Amino acid sequence: NRPDNLNSMSIQLTEDLHQIFDHLMINLDCRVLILRAEGRVFCAGLDLKEMPVLSKKKMPEEYKKYSHLNVSEVVKRQLYFQYRISDAIKKMRKIPQPIIAIIQGAATGGGFALTLAADIRIASHEAKFNNAFIKIGLTGSDVGTSYFLPRLIGLSRATEILYSGRFFDSIEAEKIGFLLKVVEKEKLLESALELANEFLTKSPLGLRMTKEAINLSMDAPSLETLTQLENRAQILAGISK
């Protein structure tokens, strides 16, 4: 909720995301999460204006694990912040609640990564997406983008998007399977709530274990491994009260 700054990812926003996701790991009363943003842009990625702040910020205890690196203090701090963002993205997969992202405008860079890590994406006609990193001299793979995108839309399409850094609009995004659907901007929340309410009619344990199985299926080495996981989960869900 930083519309004046295009909802860019500040140091504080990153820490807030960690706090929220850590809370959701243990707060099972919350069963579905809707990820949304205020203003005309979903998220413009990293707030580059905050880099000078990072150089002066008092770092937490865990920052000490970078002290042995033979690089400058600036690089150590940037590396720490890089890991904080990527760890927040990974927590989106780990929390038990399905995440529905509603995207009303541009989602670029780190904002694009946030949409990728959601379980379901619904967007308005005004939404557009790009992997901005490669356009500013960085790599096209950052905070999970090279992991999620090929698994969502296939390797060939993902490779072209990651290499070029081009924008693709909501119509193309729906066509290639990146979005569940495209709706009018004023109906975004309504559509997400309708979906969330449908999920709430399901067994809480069943829903959590289904998310876990889907995410593990992306990494499972074989069908045999995955079906063993599914079999155990199904029996456990069946005997739970």
Protein backbone atom coordinates (compact mmCIF):
# COMPACT_ATOMS: atom_id res chain seq x y z
CA ASN A 1 0.00 0.00 0.00
CA ARG A 2 2.50 2.62 -1.24
CA PRO A 3 0.68 3.97 -4.31
CA ASP A 4 2.67 7.22 -4.32
CA ASN A 5 5.81 5.11 -4.78
CA LEU A 6 4.17 2.71 -7.26
CA ASN A 7 4.06 0.11 -4.48
CA SER A 8 7.78 -0.48 -4.98
CA MET A 9 9.52 -2.96 -2.69
CA SER A 10 11.14 -1.00 0.10
CA ILE A 11 13.17 -2.41 2.96
CA GLN A 12 10.17 -1.93 5.26
CA LEU A 13 7.74 -3.60 2.85
CA THR A 14 10.05 -6.61 2.58
CA GLU A 15 10.21 -6.94 6.37
CA ASP A 16 6.43 -6.52 6.60
CA LEU A 17 5.96 -9.39 4.14
CA HIS A 18 8.19 -11.60 6.26
CA GLN A 19 6.17 -10.73 9.36
CA ILE A 20 2.86 -11.45 7.64
CA PHE A 21 3.99 -14.76 6.15
CA ASP A 22 5.56 -15.90 9.43
CA HIS A 23 2.26 -15.16 11.18
CA LEU A 24 0.28 -17.04 8.53
CA MET A 25 2.45 -20.12 9.00
CA ILE A 26 0.91 -20.59 12.44
CA ASN A 27 -2.43 -18.76 12.07
CA LEU A 28 -4.58 -21.48 10.56
CA ASP A 29 -7.75 -19.46 11.19
CA CYS A 30 -6.82 -17.58 8.03
CA ARG A 31 -7.49 -20.07 5.24
CA VAL A 32 -7.10 -18.03 2.05
CA LEU A 33 -4.90 -15.01 1.32
CA ILE A 34 -5.76 -12.33 -1.25
CA LEU A 35 -2.73 -10.33 -2.36
CA ARG A 36 -3.61 -6.89 -3.71
CA ALA A 37 -2.24 -3.37 -4.04
CA GLU A 38 -3.65 0.15 -4.02
CA GLY A 39 -3.26 2.63 -6.87
CA ARG A 40 -2.72 2.22 -10.59
CA VAL A 41 0.37 -0.04 -10.33
CA PHE A 42 0.53 -3.44 -8.63
CA CYS A 43 4.25 -3.23 -7.87
CA ALA A 44 7.09 -1.51 -9.71
CA GLY A 45 9.76 -3.76 -8.22
CA LEU A 46 12.68 -2.76 -6.04
CA ASP A 47 12.66 0.77 -4.65
CA LEU A 48 16.06 1.93 -5.95
CA LYS A 49 15.80 5.13 -3.91
CA GLU A 50 16.29 3.04 -0.78
CA MET A 51 19.76 1.78 -1.66
CA PRO A 52 21.40 4.71 0.21
CA VAL A 53 19.18 3.85 3.20
CA LEU A 54 20.44 0.27 3.09
CA SER A 55 24.04 1.47 3.36
CA LYS A 56 23.25 3.26 6.66
CA LYS A 57 20.67 0.92 8.17
CA LYS A 58 21.52 -0.95 11.35
CA MET A 59 21.57 -4.58 10.31
CA PRO A 60 20.07 -7.43 12.35
CA GLU A 61 22.10 -10.20 13.97
CA GLU A 62 21.71 -12.60 11.04
CA TYR A 63 23.60 -10.15 8.84
CA LYS A 64 26.80 -11.34 10.54
CA LYS A 65 26.79 -14.51 8.45
CA TYR A 66 28.10 -12.40 5.55
CA SER A 67 31.00 -10.95 7.56
CA HIS A 68 33.51 -13.50 6.24
CA LEU A 69 32.98 -12.54 2.60
CA ASN A 70 35.91 -10.79 0.95
CA VAL A 71 33.77 -8.05 -0.60
CA SER A 72 32.88 -4.48 0.28
CA GLU A 73 30.39 -3.59 3.00
CA VAL A 74 28.03 -2.22 0.34
CA VAL A 75 27.99 -5.55 -1.50
CA LYS A 76 27.37 -7.45 1.74
CA ARG A 77 24.38 -5.28 2.53
CA GLN A 78 22.99 -5.65 -0.98
CA LEU A 79 23.44 -9.41 -0.75
CA TYR A 80 21.59 -9.47 2.57
CA PHE A 81 18.65 -7.51 1.14
CA GLN A 82 18.62 -9.71 -1.97
CA TYR A 83 18.24 -12.78 0.23
CA ARG A 84 15.52 -11.12 2.31
CA ILE A 85 13.42 -10.52 -0.81
CA SER A 86 13.95 -14.01 -2.22
CA ASP A 87 13.21 -15.59 1.17
CA ALA A 88 9.91 -13.68 1.33
CA ILE A 89 9.01 -15.06 -2.11
CA LYS A 90 9.82 -18.60 -0.95
CA LYS A 91 7.59 -18.17 2.09
CA MET A 92 4.64 -17.63 -0.25
CA ARG A 93 5.00 -21.27 -1.27
CA LYS A 94 5.51 -22.47 2.28
CA ILE A 95 2.49 -20.89 3.96
CA PRO A 96 -0.51 -23.25 4.00
CA GLN A 97 -3.03 -20.73 2.67
CA PRO A 98 -3.75 -20.57 -1.08
CA ILE A 99 -2.73 -17.13 -2.38
CA ILE A 100 -4.90 -15.32 -4.91
CA ALA A 101 -3.14 -12.32 -6.46
CA ILE A 102 -5.30 -9.63 -8.04
CA ILE A 103 -3.33 -7.40 -10.38
CA GLN A 104 -4.82 -4.06 -11.39
CA GLY A 105 -1.82 -2.56 -13.20
CA ALA A 106 1.83 -3.09 -14.03
CA ALA A 107 3.78 -5.77 -12.16
CA THR A 108 7.47 -5.46 -12.94
CA GLY A 109 10.69 -6.88 -11.52
CA GLY A 110 10.09 -7.92 -7.92
CA GLY A 111 6.39 -7.21 -8.38
CA PHE A 112 6.35 -9.71 -11.24
CA ALA A 113 8.02 -12.23 -8.91
CA LEU A 114 5.27 -11.70 -6.32
CA THR A 115 2.60 -12.58 -8.88
CA LEU A 116 4.56 -15.64 -9.97
CA ALA A 117 4.72 -16.98 -6.41
CA ALA A 118 0.95 -16.68 -5.93
CA ASP A 119 -1.13 -19.80 -6.48
CA ILE A 120 -3.71 -18.07 -8.68
CA ARG A 121 -3.60 -14.80 -10.60
CA ILE A 122 -6.55 -12.66 -11.70
CA ALA A 123 -5.88 -9.41 -13.55
CA SER A 124 -7.62 -6.43 -15.06
CA HIS A 125 -7.36 -5.42 -18.71
CA GLU A 126 -4.91 -2.70 -17.65
CA ALA A 127 -2.44 -5.14 -16.11
CA LYS A 128 0.90 -5.85 -17.74
CA PHE A 129 3.97 -7.78 -16.71
CA ASN A 130 7.69 -7.81 -17.34
CA ASN A 131 10.93 -9.16 -16.02
CA ALA A 132 12.65 -5.80 -15.77
CA PHE A 133 16.00 -6.89 -14.35
CA ILE A 134 17.66 -7.71 -17.67
CA LYS A 135 16.82 -4.26 -19.04
CA ILE A 136 18.96 -2.53 -16.42
CA GLY A 137 22.10 -4.59 -16.87
CA LEU A 138 21.21 -7.40 -14.45
CA THR A 139 20.26 -11.00 -15.15
CA GLY A 140 16.82 -12.10 -16.28
CA SER A 141 16.68 -14.51 -13.35
CA ASP A 142 15.96 -13.06 -9.94
CA VAL A 143 14.01 -13.89 -6.77
CA GLY A 144 12.45 -17.01 -8.24
CA THR A 145 11.42 -15.78 -11.70
CA SER A 146 13.52 -18.35 -13.59
CA TYR A 147 12.03 -21.08 -11.39
CA PHE A 148 8.34 -20.18 -11.51
CA LEU A 149 7.82 -18.86 -15.04
CA PRO A 150 8.92 -21.95 -17.03
CA ARG A 151 6.74 -24.11 -14.80
CA LEU A 152 3.74 -21.86 -15.36
CA ILE A 153 3.89 -21.23 -19.11
CA GLY A 154 6.50 -23.64 -20.50
CA LEU A 155 10.21 -23.30 -21.16
CA SER A 156 10.14 -21.76 -24.63
CA ARG A 157 7.75 -18.90 -23.83
CA ALA A 158 9.41 -18.28 -20.47
CA THR A 159 12.87 -18.14 -22.05
CA GLU A 160 11.77 -15.50 -24.56
CA ILE A 161 10.21 -13.35 -21.83
CA LEU A 162 13.20 -13.67 -19.48
CA TYR A 163 15.73 -12.97 -22.25
CA SER A 164 13.91 -9.98 -23.72
CA GLY A 165 12.45 -8.32 -20.64
CA ARG A 166 9.50 -7.24 -22.78
CA PHE A 167 6.09 -6.40 -21.38
CA PHE A 168 3.21 -8.78 -22.01
CA ASP A 169 -0.37 -7.68 -21.39
CA SER A 170 -3.20 -9.41 -19.58
CA ILE A 171 -4.73 -10.79 -22.78
CA GLU A 172 -1.52 -12.59 -23.70
CA ALA A 173 -1.02 -13.61 -20.07
CA GLU A 174 -4.40 -15.33 -20.00
CA LYS A 175 -3.80 -16.98 -23.37
CA ILE A 176 -0.51 -18.58 -22.27
CA GLY A 177 -1.90 -19.77 -18.94
CA PHE A 178 -0.22 -17.23 -16.68
CA LEU A 179 -3.57 -15.80 -15.55
CA LEU A 180 -6.68 -17.64 -14.47
CA LYS A 181 -8.83 -14.91 -16.00
CA VAL A 182 -9.09 -11.24 -16.94
CA VAL A 183 -11.92 -9.12 -15.52
CA GLU A 184 -12.85 -5.46 -15.31
CA LYS A 185 -10.76 -3.60 -12.75
CA GLU A 186 -13.72 -2.87 -10.49
CA LYS A 187 -14.57 -6.60 -10.36
CA LEU A 188 -11.13 -7.84 -9.32
CA LEU A 189 -11.83 -8.14 -5.61
CA GLU A 190 -15.29 -9.56 -6.22
CA SER A 191 -13.82 -12.28 -8.45
CA ALA A 192 -11.14 -13.12 -5.89
CA LEU A 193 -13.66 -13.28 -3.04
CA GLU A 194 -15.92 -15.54 -5.08
CA LEU A 195 -13.01 -17.92 -5.59
CA ALA A 196 -11.92 -17.66 -1.95
CA ASN A 197 -15.44 -18.43 -0.74
CA GLU A 198 -15.46 -21.52 -2.94
CA PHE A 199 -12.19 -22.66 -1.34
CA LEU A 200 -13.65 -22.07 2.13
CA THR A 201 -16.28 -24.74 1.51
CA LYS A 202 -13.49 -27.33 1.37
CA SER A 203 -11.76 -29.17 4.20
CA PRO A 204 -9.10 -26.87 5.72
CA LEU A 205 -6.63 -29.74 6.02
CA GLY A 206 -7.46 -30.99 2.55
CA LEU A 207 -6.86 -27.55 1.07
CA ARG A 208 -3.53 -27.11 2.88
CA MET A 209 -2.28 -30.53 1.85
CA THR A 210 -3.37 -29.98 -1.73
CA LYS A 211 -1.28 -26.80 -1.90
CA GLU A 212 1.65 -28.69 -0.43
CA ALA A 213 1.27 -31.52 -2.96
CA ILE A 214 0.99 -29.14 -5.91
CA ASN A 215 4.13 -27.28 -4.88
CA LEU A 216 6.06 -30.47 -4.19
CA SER A 217 4.97 -31.87 -7.55
CA MET A 218 6.97 -29.09 -9.19
CA ASP A 219 10.12 -30.51 -7.61
CA ALA A 220 9.35 -34.20 -7.21
CA PRO A 221 11.98 -36.40 -8.90
CA SER A 222 9.41 -38.95 -10.06
CA LEU A 223 5.74 -39.86 -10.26
CA GLU A 224 6.43 -42.61 -7.73
CA THR A 225 7.70 -40.13 -5.14
CA LEU A 226 4.76 -37.80 -5.65
CA THR A 227 2.08 -40.49 -5.48
CA GLN A 228 3.53 -41.76 -2.21
CA LEU A 229 3.15 -38.25 -0.81
CA GLU A 230 -0.39 -37.96 -2.18
CA ASN A 231 -1.39 -41.35 -0.75
CA ARG A 232 -0.25 -40.46 2.76
CA ALA A 233 -1.88 -37.04 2.59
CA GLN A 234 -5.18 -38.51 1.39
CA ILE A 235 -5.38 -41.05 4.22
CA LEU A 236 -4.41 -38.44 6.81
CA ALA A 237 -7.09 -36.05 5.53
CA GLY A 238 -9.63 -38.87 5.54
CA ILE A 239 -9.12 -39.79 9.19
CA SER A 240 -8.87 -36.23 10.51
CA LYS A 241 -11.82 -34.57 12.22
